[in-house]
Amino acid sequence: MSIRYFQSIPQPLPESLPGKVHSTPPFTPDEAPAFIGTAVFFHYINRMVTILPGSSPLPLKNGIGKTVSMRLGAWYFLPAIGREKSPGTSLGLLPAAELPDDLSWAKSSAATAGAFARLASAIEKAGSNSVPESVRNITREIVLKWNGSNPDISGKWCDNALAQLDASEKSAGKLALLAALEPHRITEEHVQDFSAAFPGDRKLLGVLAWSSFTAARRIGSWLRS
């Protein structure tokens, strides 16, 4: 695919609808589950990686230690990368679930549809166990209106959205909204405030996973035809 093709795609402006960027998608309907699924999962995992490991997943980030870590990592993961894989072999790791309407782009691939249906169900359950319903409702509403542009850099958009919540709900709401739309802005203080009101690693991972996947699902909805 030529560079000229990508240069012809209009830049997503704040007032534009992101779905229009791919009004002529660079993949066929049969390829859509693989392409859109990759994009959705990337946006989900990218948010989680941005928040949790920091700038590098390696234990040693500089000097000779980084070089050794990279070589050990390559040695460890190489067999998995080279192994022949069959679609759907890991579906049994999670219980079967119904595919949500907003993930309907995956329908034409049984393996992709099964994977995203199970993932969505597991993350929704984690979210309901970790995030107050009031916070989930606000987060869904804001993400549904989001068009891909960067939020107000001052952060007032977040404070205004959570103004009617109590202190503990605000800590959960701020973490949820930032994880969805501005994961790079999450600080240790945000995590500490949430953990003080909702202790336990399971709840922390639940709110981060649910919020990140909510945003990723929204992005996927822009790419489907």
C-alpha atoms as a PDB file:
ATOM      1  CA  MET A   1       0.000   0.000   0.000  1.00  0.00           C
ATOM      2  CA  SER A   2       1.523   3.307  -1.072  1.00  0.00           C
ATOM      3  CA  ILE A   3       2.423   6.270   1.113  1.00  0.00           C
ATOM      4  CA  ARG A   4       0.269   8.377  -1.228  1.00  0.00           C
ATOM      5  CA  TYR A   5      -2.815   6.425  -0.079  1.00  0.00           C
ATOM      6  CA  PHE A   6      -2.232   7.306   3.564  1.00  0.00           C
ATOM      7  CA  GLN A   7      -1.461  10.921   2.668  1.00  0.00           C
ATOM      8  CA  SER A   8      -4.874  11.087   0.999  1.00  0.00           C
ATOM      9  CA  ILE A   9      -6.690  10.191   4.232  1.00  0.00           C
ATOM     10  CA  PRO A  10      -8.056  13.397   5.792  1.00  0.00           C
ATOM     11  CA  GLN A  11      -6.629  14.383   9.150  1.00  0.00           C
ATOM     12  CA  PRO A  12      -9.090  13.837  12.044  1.00  0.00           C
ATOM     13  CA  LEU A  13     -10.112  17.299  13.212  1.00  0.00           C
ATOM     14  CA  PRO A  14     -11.970  17.800  16.529  1.00  0.00           C
ATOM     15  CA  GLU A  15     -15.217  18.601  14.722  1.00  0.00           C
ATOM     16  CA  SER A  16     -15.004  15.605  12.365  1.00  0.00           C
ATOM     17  CA  LEU A  17     -16.386  12.126  12.905  1.00  0.00           C
ATOM     18  CA  PRO A  18     -13.510   9.617  13.237  1.00  0.00           C
ATOM     19  CA  GLY A  19     -15.430   6.965  11.292  1.00  0.00           C
ATOM     20  CA  LYS A  20     -15.195   9.108   8.162  1.00  0.00           C
ATOM     21  CA  VAL A  21     -11.413   8.741   8.174  1.00  0.00           C
ATOM     22  CA  HIS A  22     -11.865   5.119   7.070  1.00  0.00           C
ATOM     23  CA  SER A  23     -14.898   5.552   4.831  1.00  0.00           C
ATOM     24  CA  THR A  24     -12.831   3.570   2.317  1.00  0.00           C
ATOM     25  CA  PRO A  25     -11.014   1.148   4.633  1.00  0.00           C
ATOM     26  CA  PRO A  26      -7.715  -0.453   3.530  1.00  0.00           C
ATOM     27  CA  PHE A  27      -9.128  -3.952   4.144  1.00  0.00           C
ATOM     28  CA  THR A  28     -11.921  -6.132   2.813  1.00  0.00           C
ATOM     29  CA  PRO A  29     -15.025  -7.074   4.862  1.00  0.00           C
ATOM     30  CA  ASP A  30     -13.535 -10.536   5.418  1.00  0.00           C
ATOM     31  CA  GLU A  31     -10.336  -8.961   6.749  1.00  0.00           C
ATOM     32  CA  ALA A  32     -12.174  -6.509   9.010  1.00  0.00           C
ATOM     33  CA  PRO A  33     -12.162  -8.681  12.174  1.00  0.00           C
ATOM     34  CA  ALA A  34      -8.378  -9.073  12.021  1.00  0.00           C
ATOM     35  CA  PHE A  35      -7.646  -5.412  11.270  1.00  0.00           C
ATOM     36  CA  ILE A  36     -10.192  -3.849  13.616  1.00  0.00           C
ATOM     37  CA  GLY A  37      -9.517  -6.440  16.315  1.00  0.00           C
ATOM     38  CA  THR A  38      -5.804  -5.634  16.204  1.00  0.00           C
ATOM     39  CA  ALA A  39      -6.530  -1.901  16.502  1.00  0.00           C
ATOM     40  CA  VAL A  40      -8.968  -2.367  19.394  1.00  0.00           C
ATOM     41  CA  PHE A  41      -6.669  -4.674  21.334  1.00  0.00           C
ATOM     42  CA  PHE A  42      -3.700  -2.376  20.707  1.00  0.00           C
ATOM     43  CA  HIS A  43      -5.572   0.625  22.111  1.00  0.00           C
ATOM     44  CA  TYR A  44      -6.594  -1.442  25.133  1.00  0.00           C
ATOM     45  CA  ILE A  45      -3.178  -2.901  25.890  1.00  0.00           C
ATOM     46  CA  ASN A  46      -1.375   0.372  25.083  1.00  0.00           C
ATOM     47  CA  ARG A  47      -3.353   2.140  27.802  1.00  0.00           C
ATOM     48  CA  MET A  48      -2.602  -0.603  30.316  1.00  0.00           C
ATOM     49  CA  VAL A  49       1.109  -0.595  29.473  1.00  0.00           C
ATOM     50  CA  THR A  50       1.280   3.209  29.628  1.00  0.00           C
ATOM     51  CA  ILE A  51      -0.222   3.192  33.121  1.00  0.00           C
ATOM     52  CA  LEU A  52       1.393   0.144  34.724  1.00  0.00           C
ATOM     53  CA  PRO A  53       4.993  -0.593  33.591  1.00  0.00           C
ATOM     54  CA  GLY A  54       5.871   3.001  32.714  1.00  0.00           C
ATOM     55  CA  SER A  55       8.199   3.827  29.822  1.00  0.00           C
ATOM     56  CA  SER A  56       9.682   0.320  29.560  1.00  0.00           C
ATOM     57  CA  PRO A  57       8.541  -3.174  30.563  1.00  0.00           C
ATOM     58  CA  LEU A  58      12.160  -4.206  31.100  1.00  0.00           C
ATOM     59  CA  PRO A  59      13.478  -4.441  34.687  1.00  0.00           C
ATOM     60  CA  LEU A  60      16.697  -2.611  33.751  1.00  0.00           C
ATOM     61  CA  LYS A  61      16.201   0.440  31.563  1.00  0.00           C
ATOM     62  CA  ASN A  62      19.695   1.838  31.001  1.00  0.00           C
ATOM     63  CA  GLY A  63      23.245   0.845  30.105  1.00  0.00           C
ATOM     64  CA  ILE A  64      24.503  -2.721  29.938  1.00  0.00           C
ATOM     65  CA  GLY A  65      21.574  -3.899  32.043  1.00  0.00           C
ATOM     66  CA  LYS A  66      19.125  -2.831  29.355  1.00  0.00           C
ATOM     67  CA  THR A  67      21.129  -4.645  26.670  1.00  0.00           C
ATOM     68  CA  VAL A  68      21.174  -7.852  28.697  1.00  0.00           C
ATOM     69  CA  SER A  69      17.454  -7.543  29.476  1.00  0.00           C
ATOM     70  CA  MET A  70      16.603  -7.112  25.798  1.00  0.00           C
ATOM     71  CA  ARG A  71      18.644 -10.161  24.797  1.00  0.00           C
ATOM     72  CA  LEU A  72      17.111 -12.293  27.539  1.00  0.00           C
ATOM     73  CA  GLY A  73      13.644 -11.109  26.557  1.00  0.00           C
ATOM     74  CA  ALA A  74      14.275 -11.964  22.905  1.00  0.00           C
ATOM     75  CA  TRP A  75      15.561 -15.420  23.874  1.00  0.00           C
ATOM     76  CA  TYR A  76      12.559 -16.079  26.111  1.00  0.00           C
ATOM     77  CA  PHE A  77       9.852 -14.951  23.681  1.00  0.00           C
ATOM     78  CA  LEU A  78      11.367 -16.191  20.405  1.00  0.00           C
ATOM     79  CA  PRO A  79       9.904 -19.739  20.602  1.00  0.00           C
ATOM     80  CA  ALA A  80       6.397 -18.327  21.149  1.00  0.00           C
ATOM     81  CA  ILE A  81       6.769 -15.907  18.246  1.00  0.00           C
ATOM     82  CA  GLY A  82       7.890 -18.649  15.870  1.00  0.00           C
ATOM     83  CA  ARG A  83       5.315 -21.220  16.959  1.00  0.00           C
ATOM     84  CA  GLU A  84       2.524 -21.987  14.486  1.00  0.00           C
ATOM     85  CA  LYS A  85      -0.802 -20.905  15.961  1.00  0.00           C
ATOM     86  CA  SER A  86      -4.358 -21.955  15.177  1.00  0.00           C
ATOM     87  CA  PRO A  87      -7.181 -19.401  15.625  1.00  0.00           C
ATOM     88  CA  GLY A  88      -9.477 -20.141  18.532  1.00  0.00           C
ATOM     89  CA  THR A  89      -7.281 -22.560  20.484  1.00  0.00           C
ATOM     90  CA  SER A  90      -7.267 -20.320  23.568  1.00  0.00           C
ATOM     91  CA  LEU A  91     -11.014 -19.617  23.674  1.00  0.00           C
ATOM     92  CA  GLY A  92     -11.480 -22.152  26.462  1.00  0.00           C
ATOM     93  CA  LEU A  93      -9.531 -19.951  28.877  1.00  0.00           C
ATOM     94  CA  LEU A  94     -12.659 -17.843  29.433  1.00  0.00           C
ATOM     95  CA  PRO A  95     -16.353 -18.800  29.572  1.00  0.00           C
ATOM     96  CA  ALA A  96     -18.402 -18.395  26.403  1.00  0.00           C
ATOM     97  CA  ALA A  97     -20.321 -15.121  26.150  1.00  0.00           C
ATOM     98  CA  GLU A  98     -22.570 -13.221  23.755  1.00  0.00           C
ATOM     99  CA  LEU A  99     -20.912 -10.709  21.447  1.00  0.00           C
ATOM    100  CA  PRO A 100     -22.017  -7.124  22.288  1.00  0.00           C
ATOM    101  CA  ASP A 101     -23.542  -5.086  19.458  1.00  0.00           C
ATOM    102  CA  ASP A 102     -20.680  -2.580  19.367  1.00  0.00           C
ATOM    103  CA  LEU A 103     -18.261  -5.438  18.626  1.00  0.00           C
ATOM    104  CA  SER A 104     -20.330  -6.714  15.698  1.00  0.00           C
ATOM    105  CA  TRP A 105     -17.409  -6.015  13.336  1.00  0.00           C
ATOM    106  CA  ALA A 106     -15.958  -9.339  14.609  1.00  0.00           C
ATOM    107  CA  LYS A 107     -18.948 -11.486  13.572  1.00  0.00           C
ATOM    108  CA  SER A 108     -17.510 -12.830  10.331  1.00  0.00           C
ATOM    109  CA  SER A 109     -14.671 -14.559  12.211  1.00  0.00           C
ATOM    110  CA  ALA A 110     -15.775 -17.158  14.760  1.00  0.00           C
ATOM    111  CA  ALA A 111     -12.419 -17.072  16.548  1.00  0.00           C
ATOM    112  CA  THR A 112     -12.232 -13.274  16.744  1.00  0.00           C
ATOM    113  CA  ALA A 113     -15.883 -12.938  17.751  1.00  0.00           C
ATOM    114  CA  GLY A 114     -15.474 -15.600  20.426  1.00  0.00           C
ATOM    115  CA  ALA A 115     -12.336 -13.970  21.794  1.00  0.00           C
ATOM    116  CA  PHE A 116     -13.779 -10.462  22.012  1.00  0.00           C
ATOM    117  CA  ALA A 117     -17.102 -11.690  23.410  1.00  0.00           C
ATOM    118  CA  ARG A 118     -15.265 -13.473  26.221  1.00  0.00           C
ATOM    119  CA  LEU A 119     -12.894 -10.563  26.836  1.00  0.00           C
ATOM    120  CA  ALA A 120     -15.744  -8.041  26.941  1.00  0.00           C
ATOM    121  CA  SER A 121     -17.700 -10.189  29.398  1.00  0.00           C
ATOM    122  CA  ALA A 122     -14.708 -10.701  31.699  1.00  0.00           C
ATOM    123  CA  ILE A 123     -13.767  -7.019  31.706  1.00  0.00           C
ATOM    124  CA  GLU A 124     -17.365  -5.906  32.235  1.00  0.00           C
ATOM    125  CA  LYS A 125     -17.562  -8.200  35.261  1.00  0.00           C
ATOM    126  CA  ALA A 126     -14.274  -6.833  36.605  1.00  0.00           C
ATOM    127  CA  GLY A 127     -15.558  -3.298  36.114  1.00  0.00           C
ATOM    128  CA  SER A 128     -18.831  -3.938  37.922  1.00  0.00           C
ATOM    129  CA  ASN A 129     -16.850  -5.353  40.859  1.00  0.00           C
ATOM    130  CA  SER A 130     -14.383  -2.453  40.942  1.00  0.00           C
ATOM    131  CA  VAL A 131     -16.046   0.711  39.645  1.00  0.00           C
ATOM    132  CA  PRO A 132     -19.130   2.351  41.204  1.00  0.00           C
ATOM    133  CA  GLU A 133     -22.124   2.335  38.862  1.00  0.00           C
ATOM    134  CA  SER A 134     -22.282   6.142  38.935  1.00  0.00           C
ATOM    135  CA  VAL A 135     -18.692   6.311  37.685  1.00  0.00           C
ATOM    136  CA  ARG A 136     -19.282   3.723  34.973  1.00  0.00           C
ATOM    137  CA  ASN A 137     -22.311   5.643  33.724  1.00  0.00           C
ATOM    138  CA  ILE A 138     -20.379   8.921  33.520  1.00  0.00           C
ATOM    139  CA  THR A 139     -17.406   7.250  31.845  1.00  0.00           C
ATOM    140  CA  ARG A 140     -19.604   5.551  29.238  1.00  0.00           C
ATOM    141  CA  GLU A 141     -21.396   8.828  28.497  1.00  0.00           C
ATOM    142  CA  ILE A 142     -18.178  10.789  28.011  1.00  0.00           C
ATOM    143  CA  VAL A 143     -16.478   8.086  25.940  1.00  0.00           C
ATOM    144  CA  LEU A 144     -19.584   7.782  23.757  1.00  0.00           C
ATOM    145  CA  LYS A 145     -19.369  11.526  22.977  1.00  0.00           C
ATOM    146  CA  TRP A 146     -15.586  11.420  22.486  1.00  0.00           C
ATOM    147  CA  ASN A 147     -14.449  11.959  18.893  1.00  0.00           C
ATOM    148  CA  GLY A 148     -10.767  11.158  19.315  1.00  0.00           C
ATOM    149  CA  SER A 149      -9.552  14.684  20.036  1.00  0.00           C
ATOM    150  CA  ASN A 150      -7.420  15.456  23.070  1.00  0.00           C
ATOM    151  CA  PRO A 151      -9.397  16.652  26.105  1.00  0.00           C
ATOM    152  CA  ASP A 152      -8.850  20.073  27.661  1.00  0.00           C
ATOM    153  CA  ILE A 153      -5.247  20.104  28.887  1.00  0.00           C
ATOM    154  CA  SER A 154      -6.257  21.867  32.109  1.00  0.00           C
ATOM    155  CA  GLY A 155      -8.132  18.776  33.292  1.00  0.00           C
ATOM    156  CA  LYS A 156     -11.278  20.778  34.051  1.00  0.00           C
ATOM    157  CA  TRP A 157     -13.311  18.486  31.795  1.00  0.00           C
ATOM    158  CA  CYS A 158     -12.652  15.664  34.233  1.00  0.00           C
ATOM    159  CA  ASP A 159     -13.438  17.677  37.364  1.00  0.00           C
ATOM    160  CA  ASN A 160     -16.639  19.054  35.837  1.00  0.00           C
ATOM    161  CA  ALA A 161     -17.852  15.594  34.855  1.00  0.00           C
ATOM    162  CA  LEU A 162     -17.377  14.299  38.401  1.00  0.00           C
ATOM    163  CA  ALA A 163     -18.626  17.365  40.282  1.00  0.00           C
ATOM    164  CA  GLN A 164     -21.776  15.683  41.658  1.00  0.00           C
ATOM    165  CA  LEU A 165     -19.997  12.602  43.051  1.00  0.00           C
ATOM    166  CA  ASP A 166     -18.765  12.085  46.592  1.00  0.00           C
ATOM    167  CA  ALA A 167     -15.043  11.991  47.436  1.00  0.00           C
ATOM    168  CA  SER A 168     -14.520   8.249  47.037  1.00  0.00           C
ATOM    169  CA  GLU A 169     -16.459   8.139  43.767  1.00  0.00           C
ATOM    170  CA  LYS A 170     -14.444  11.097  42.465  1.00  0.00           C
ATOM    171  CA  SER A 171     -11.183   9.206  43.038  1.00  0.00           C
ATOM    172  CA  ALA A 172     -12.555   6.271  41.042  1.00  0.00           C
ATOM    173  CA  GLY A 173     -14.004   8.565  38.391  1.00  0.00           C
ATOM    174  CA  LYS A 174     -10.795  10.486  37.833  1.00  0.00           C
ATOM    175  CA  LEU A 175      -8.789   7.280  37.449  1.00  0.00           C
ATOM    176  CA  ALA A 176     -11.396   5.803  35.101  1.00  0.00           C
ATOM    177  CA  LEU A 177     -11.689   8.866  32.861  1.00  0.00           C
ATOM    178  CA  LEU A 178      -7.946   9.408  32.650  1.00  0.00           C
ATOM    179  CA  ALA A 179      -7.327   5.724  31.877  1.00  0.00           C
ATOM    180  CA  ALA A 180      -9.823   5.954  29.031  1.00  0.00           C
ATOM    181  CA  LEU A 181      -8.811   9.272  27.460  1.00  0.00           C
ATOM    182  CA  GLU A 182      -5.504  10.461  28.955  1.00  0.00           C
ATOM    183  CA  PRO A 183      -3.603   7.477  30.418  1.00  0.00           C
ATOM    184  CA  HIS A 184      -0.281   9.340  30.236  1.00  0.00           C
ATOM    185  CA  ARG A 185      -1.575  11.808  32.855  1.00  0.00           C
ATOM    186  CA  ILE A 186      -2.192   9.211  35.566  1.00  0.00           C
ATOM    187  CA  THR A 187       0.110   9.725  38.533  1.00  0.00           C
ATOM    188  CA  GLU A 188       0.920   7.753  41.646  1.00  0.00           C
ATOM    189  CA  GLU A 189      -1.321  10.153  43.555  1.00  0.00           C
ATOM    190  CA  HIS A 190      -4.331   9.162  41.437  1.00  0.00           C
ATOM    191  CA  VAL A 191      -3.646   5.503  42.179  1.00  0.00           C
ATOM    192  CA  GLN A 192      -3.168   6.137  45.900  1.00  0.00           C
ATOM    193  CA  ASP A 193      -6.413   8.118  46.137  1.00  0.00           C
ATOM    194  CA  PHE A 194      -8.318   5.300  44.437  1.00  0.00           C
ATOM    195  CA  SER A 195      -6.679   2.579  46.534  1.00  0.00           C
ATOM    196  CA  ALA A 196      -7.475   4.430  49.756  1.00  0.00           C
ATOM    197  CA  ALA A 197     -11.178   4.262  48.914  1.00  0.00           C
ATOM    198  CA  PHE A 198     -11.128   0.919  47.070  1.00  0.00           C
ATOM    199  CA  PRO A 199      -8.238  -1.167  48.462  1.00  0.00           C
ATOM    200  CA  GLY A 200      -6.772  -4.162  46.693  1.00  0.00           C
ATOM    201  CA  ASP A 201      -4.880  -4.816  43.460  1.00  0.00           C
ATOM    202  CA  ARG A 202      -7.886  -6.607  41.954  1.00  0.00           C
ATOM    203  CA  LYS A 203      -9.997  -3.440  42.149  1.00  0.00           C
ATOM    204  CA  LEU A 204      -7.191  -1.299  40.745  1.00  0.00           C
ATOM    205  CA  LEU A 205      -6.688  -3.619  37.789  1.00  0.00           C
ATOM    206  CA  GLY A 206     -10.456  -3.816  37.360  1.00  0.00           C
ATOM    207  CA  VAL A 207     -10.964  -0.071  36.990  1.00  0.00           C
ATOM    208  CA  LEU A 208      -7.974   0.301  34.658  1.00  0.00           C
ATOM    209  CA  ALA A 209      -8.979  -2.639  32.451  1.00  0.00           C
ATOM    210  CA  TRP A 210     -12.624  -1.617  32.263  1.00  0.00           C
ATOM    211  CA  SER A 211     -11.867   2.018  31.405  1.00  0.00           C
ATOM    212  CA  SER A 212      -9.166   1.168  28.879  1.00  0.00           C
ATOM    213  CA  PHE A 213     -11.364  -1.366  27.106  1.00  0.00           C
ATOM    214  CA  THR A 214     -14.331   1.018  27.092  1.00  0.00           C
ATOM    215  CA  ALA A 215     -12.238   3.538  25.142  1.00  0.00           C
ATOM    216  CA  ALA A 216     -10.843   0.838  22.847  1.00  0.00           C
ATOM    217  CA  ARG A 217     -14.355  -0.384  22.022  1.00  0.00           C
ATOM    218  CA  ARG A 218     -15.334   3.168  21.109  1.00  0.00           C
ATOM    219  CA  ILE A 219     -12.392   3.407  18.714  1.00  0.00           C
ATOM    220  CA  GLY A 220     -13.386   0.094  17.144  1.00  0.00           C
ATOM    221  CA  SER A 221     -16.865   1.467  16.456  1.00  0.00           C
ATOM    222  CA  TRP A 222     -15.308   4.180  14.271  1.00  0.00           C
ATOM    223  CA  LEU A 223     -13.592   1.618  12.045  1.00  0.00           C
ATOM    224  CA  ARG A 224     -16.490  -0.661  11.206  1.00  0.00           C
ATOM    225  CA  SER A 225     -18.417  -0.070   7.995  1.00  0.00           C
END
